[in-house]
Amino acid sequence: MTKVSLRALTEAHIPTILDACSDWQELAQYGPPYWRPRSSAELQRKIAATSGPQPATEYSFVLVDDLSGRLVGECSVHAIDWRSRVAQVGICVWSPVDRGQGLGRVGVEQVTNWGFGHLGLRRLEAWILTTNRSSCALFERCGFVHEGTLRARYLNDGKHHDVDVLSRLADSSG
């Protein structure tokens, strides 16, 4: 069985993330934040955003393959609306070699459970490029439901692309 763990993003992870995301053009086809090269400053901002004491509007994690100890991706709960208890979730398994191994599914399940359980959110949304069928299917297997499409929402390589919006409610199965 595939085993992957979430770990809070720390400064120690930055060099690995920058190296893993060096082929940002390949990752850009899957959506933000990969539309440009990653930077230490961006990742340090994400770490600082969770340093409290107030609740953050985003939480970032790395995915660790428990068998090898390697960092294989990242995920987040972001754009948190505390009043409505709604947020977006995102996940990326960086290397094509690691995709399709079940790491993303376990990561989505863990970050979803954390968002509902630990943060007390009521609704989570995944915004996914319509061309990224495997990611849409992944979230649907994890109990997310397609709600609609945002036309021309994401700019990449000089072209606008449509984004599907999927959601899951805390009281729905998944």
Protein backbone atom coordinates (compact mmCIF):
# COMPACT_ATOMS: atom_id res chain seq x y z
CA MET A 1 0.00 0.00 0.00
CA THR A 2 1.18 3.50 -0.86
CA LYS A 3 2.18 5.47 2.20
CA VAL A 4 2.85 9.18 2.10
CA SER A 5 2.90 11.64 4.98
CA LEU A 6 2.21 15.35 5.17
CA ARG A 7 4.86 17.50 6.80
CA ALA A 8 4.56 21.23 7.39
CA LEU A 9 6.67 23.21 4.94
CA THR A 10 9.92 24.36 6.57
CA GLU A 11 13.05 26.22 5.47
CA ALA A 12 14.88 22.87 5.25
CA HIS A 13 12.56 21.80 2.40
CA ILE A 14 13.25 24.84 0.20
CA PRO A 15 16.33 23.52 -1.70
CA THR A 16 14.56 20.24 -2.51
CA ILE A 17 11.44 22.05 -3.73
CA LEU A 18 13.45 24.44 -5.91
CA ASP A 19 15.30 21.50 -7.44
CA ALA A 20 12.12 19.44 -7.93
CA CYS A 21 10.35 22.38 -9.59
CA SER A 22 13.25 23.37 -11.84
CA ASP A 23 11.30 22.08 -14.84
CA TRP A 24 8.53 24.56 -14.12
CA GLN A 25 7.43 24.60 -17.76
CA GLU A 26 6.44 20.93 -17.48
CA LEU A 27 4.61 21.63 -14.21
CA ALA A 28 2.90 24.77 -15.62
CA GLN A 29 0.52 22.60 -17.64
CA TYR A 30 -1.00 21.50 -14.32
CA GLY A 31 -1.71 24.99 -12.98
CA PRO A 32 -0.59 27.44 -10.29
CA PRO A 33 1.80 28.03 -8.65
CA TYR A 34 3.94 26.55 -11.41
CA TRP A 35 3.32 29.22 -14.07
CA ARG A 36 6.73 30.68 -13.27
CA PRO A 37 9.93 29.47 -11.57
CA ARG A 38 9.60 28.89 -7.82
CA SER A 39 11.71 31.07 -5.54
CA SER A 40 13.08 30.91 -2.00
CA ALA A 41 11.26 34.17 -1.23
CA GLU A 42 7.89 32.70 -2.26
CA LEU A 43 8.42 29.59 -0.13
CA GLN A 44 9.67 31.62 2.85
CA ARG A 45 6.51 33.77 2.58
CA LYS A 46 4.40 30.59 2.76
CA ILE A 47 6.26 29.51 5.92
CA ALA A 48 5.91 32.96 7.52
CA ALA A 49 2.18 33.01 6.70
CA THR A 50 1.59 30.19 9.17
CA SER A 51 3.69 31.51 12.04
CA GLY A 52 0.66 32.83 13.97
CA PRO A 53 -0.66 33.85 16.40
CA GLN A 54 -3.72 34.50 14.20
CA PRO A 55 -5.16 31.70 12.06
CA ALA A 56 -3.49 31.68 8.65
CA THR A 57 -5.20 31.98 5.28
CA GLU A 58 -3.01 29.20 3.87
CA TYR A 59 -1.14 26.14 5.11
CA SER A 60 1.53 24.46 2.98
CA PHE A 61 2.85 20.92 3.27
CA VAL A 62 5.35 18.65 1.59
CA LEU A 63 4.51 15.05 0.71
CA VAL A 64 7.04 12.55 2.01
CA ASP A 65 7.19 9.04 0.59
CA ASP A 66 7.41 7.01 3.79
CA LEU A 67 9.27 4.12 2.15
CA SER A 68 12.14 6.18 0.75
CA GLY A 69 11.94 9.36 2.86
CA ARG A 70 12.00 11.43 -0.33
CA LEU A 71 9.98 14.59 -0.78
CA VAL A 72 7.72 13.80 -3.74
CA GLY A 73 5.34 16.74 -3.86
CA GLU A 74 3.47 19.44 -2.06
CA CYS A 75 -0.07 20.27 -1.11
CA SER A 76 -1.89 23.10 0.53
CA VAL A 77 -5.06 24.39 2.06
CA HIS A 78 -5.23 27.98 0.85
CA ALA A 79 -7.53 30.94 0.16
CA ILE A 80 -9.16 30.18 3.52
CA ASP A 81 -12.34 32.13 4.23
CA TRP A 82 -12.70 31.71 8.00
CA ARG A 83 -16.10 33.39 8.15
CA SER A 84 -17.64 30.90 5.72
CA ARG A 85 -15.24 28.08 6.69
CA VAL A 86 -14.34 27.47 3.04
CA ALA A 87 -10.92 26.92 1.45
CA GLN A 88 -9.20 25.64 -1.65
CA VAL A 89 -6.94 22.60 -1.71
CA GLY A 90 -4.21 21.78 -4.15
CA ILE A 91 -1.67 19.04 -4.66
CA CYS A 92 1.25 18.37 -6.97
CA VAL A 93 3.41 15.28 -7.30
CA TRP A 94 6.46 16.84 -8.93
CA SER A 95 8.08 14.07 -10.96
CA PRO A 96 6.30 12.21 -13.76
CA VAL A 97 7.97 9.04 -12.41
CA ASP A 98 6.10 9.38 -9.10
CA ARG A 99 2.72 10.20 -10.62
CA GLY A 100 0.13 7.44 -10.91
CA GLN A 101 1.52 5.60 -7.87
CA GLY A 102 -1.26 6.60 -5.47
CA LEU A 103 0.80 9.27 -3.69
CA GLY A 104 -1.57 12.05 -4.79
CA ARG A 105 -4.65 10.15 -3.63
CA VAL A 106 -3.24 9.59 -0.15
CA GLY A 107 -2.07 13.21 -0.01
CA VAL A 108 -5.52 14.54 -1.01
CA GLU A 109 -7.19 12.31 1.57
CA GLN A 110 -4.83 13.48 4.32
CA VAL A 111 -5.03 17.20 3.53
CA THR A 112 -8.82 16.98 3.18
CA ASN A 113 -9.17 15.23 6.53
CA TRP A 114 -6.84 17.81 8.12
CA GLY A 115 -8.83 20.72 6.68
CA PHE A 116 -12.14 19.33 7.91
CA GLY A 117 -10.90 17.89 11.20
CA HIS A 118 -8.14 20.18 12.44
CA LEU A 119 -9.28 23.47 10.88
CA GLY A 120 -13.01 22.82 11.17
CA LEU A 121 -13.68 23.83 7.56
CA ARG A 122 -17.08 23.00 6.07
CA ARG A 123 -16.26 23.13 2.34
CA LEU A 124 -13.12 22.48 0.32
CA GLU A 125 -12.69 23.35 -3.35
CA ALA A 126 -10.19 22.13 -5.92
CA TRP A 127 -9.62 24.40 -8.94
CA ILE A 128 -8.14 22.23 -11.71
CA LEU A 129 -7.30 22.95 -15.33
CA THR A 130 -9.88 21.24 -17.54
CA THR A 131 -7.02 19.64 -19.49
CA ASN A 132 -5.73 17.96 -16.31
CA ARG A 133 -8.16 15.03 -16.46
CA SER A 134 -6.10 12.81 -14.16
CA SER A 135 -6.24 15.40 -11.36
CA CYS A 136 -9.99 15.86 -11.81
CA ALA A 137 -10.43 12.09 -11.61
CA LEU A 138 -8.22 11.94 -8.52
CA PHE A 139 -10.32 14.50 -6.64
CA GLU A 140 -13.55 12.82 -7.76
CA ARG A 141 -12.25 9.49 -6.34
CA CYS A 142 -11.68 11.38 -3.08
CA GLY A 143 -15.33 12.50 -2.91
CA PHE A 144 -15.14 15.87 -4.66
CA VAL A 145 -18.00 16.79 -7.02
CA HIS A 146 -17.68 18.84 -10.21
CA GLU A 147 -19.65 22.08 -9.81
CA GLY A 148 -18.73 24.07 -12.89
CA THR A 149 -16.07 25.54 -15.13
CA LEU A 150 -14.43 28.95 -14.94
CA ARG A 151 -13.76 29.98 -18.52
CA ALA A 152 -10.38 31.46 -19.45
CA ARG A 153 -9.33 31.59 -15.76
CA TYR A 154 -5.65 30.52 -15.98
CA LEU A 155 -3.01 32.16 -18.18
CA ASN A 156 -0.12 29.96 -19.28
CA ASP A 157 2.23 30.39 -22.21
CA GLY A 158 0.24 33.33 -23.54
CA LYS A 159 -3.06 31.44 -23.64
CA HIS A 160 -6.03 31.41 -21.28
CA HIS A 161 -7.27 28.03 -20.08
CA ASP A 162 -10.51 26.90 -18.44
CA VAL A 163 -10.54 25.71 -14.83
CA ASP A 164 -12.93 23.12 -13.37
CA VAL A 165 -14.19 23.72 -9.83
CA LEU A 166 -14.78 20.64 -7.70
CA SER A 167 -15.91 20.68 -4.08
CA ARG A 168 -16.41 18.45 -1.11
CA LEU A 169 -18.46 19.20 1.99
CA ALA A 170 -17.37 18.11 5.46
CA ASP A 171 -20.47 16.01 5.91
CA SER A 172 -20.17 14.19 2.56
CA SER A 173 -18.46 10.86 2.09
CA GLY A 174 -15.18 10.55 0.33
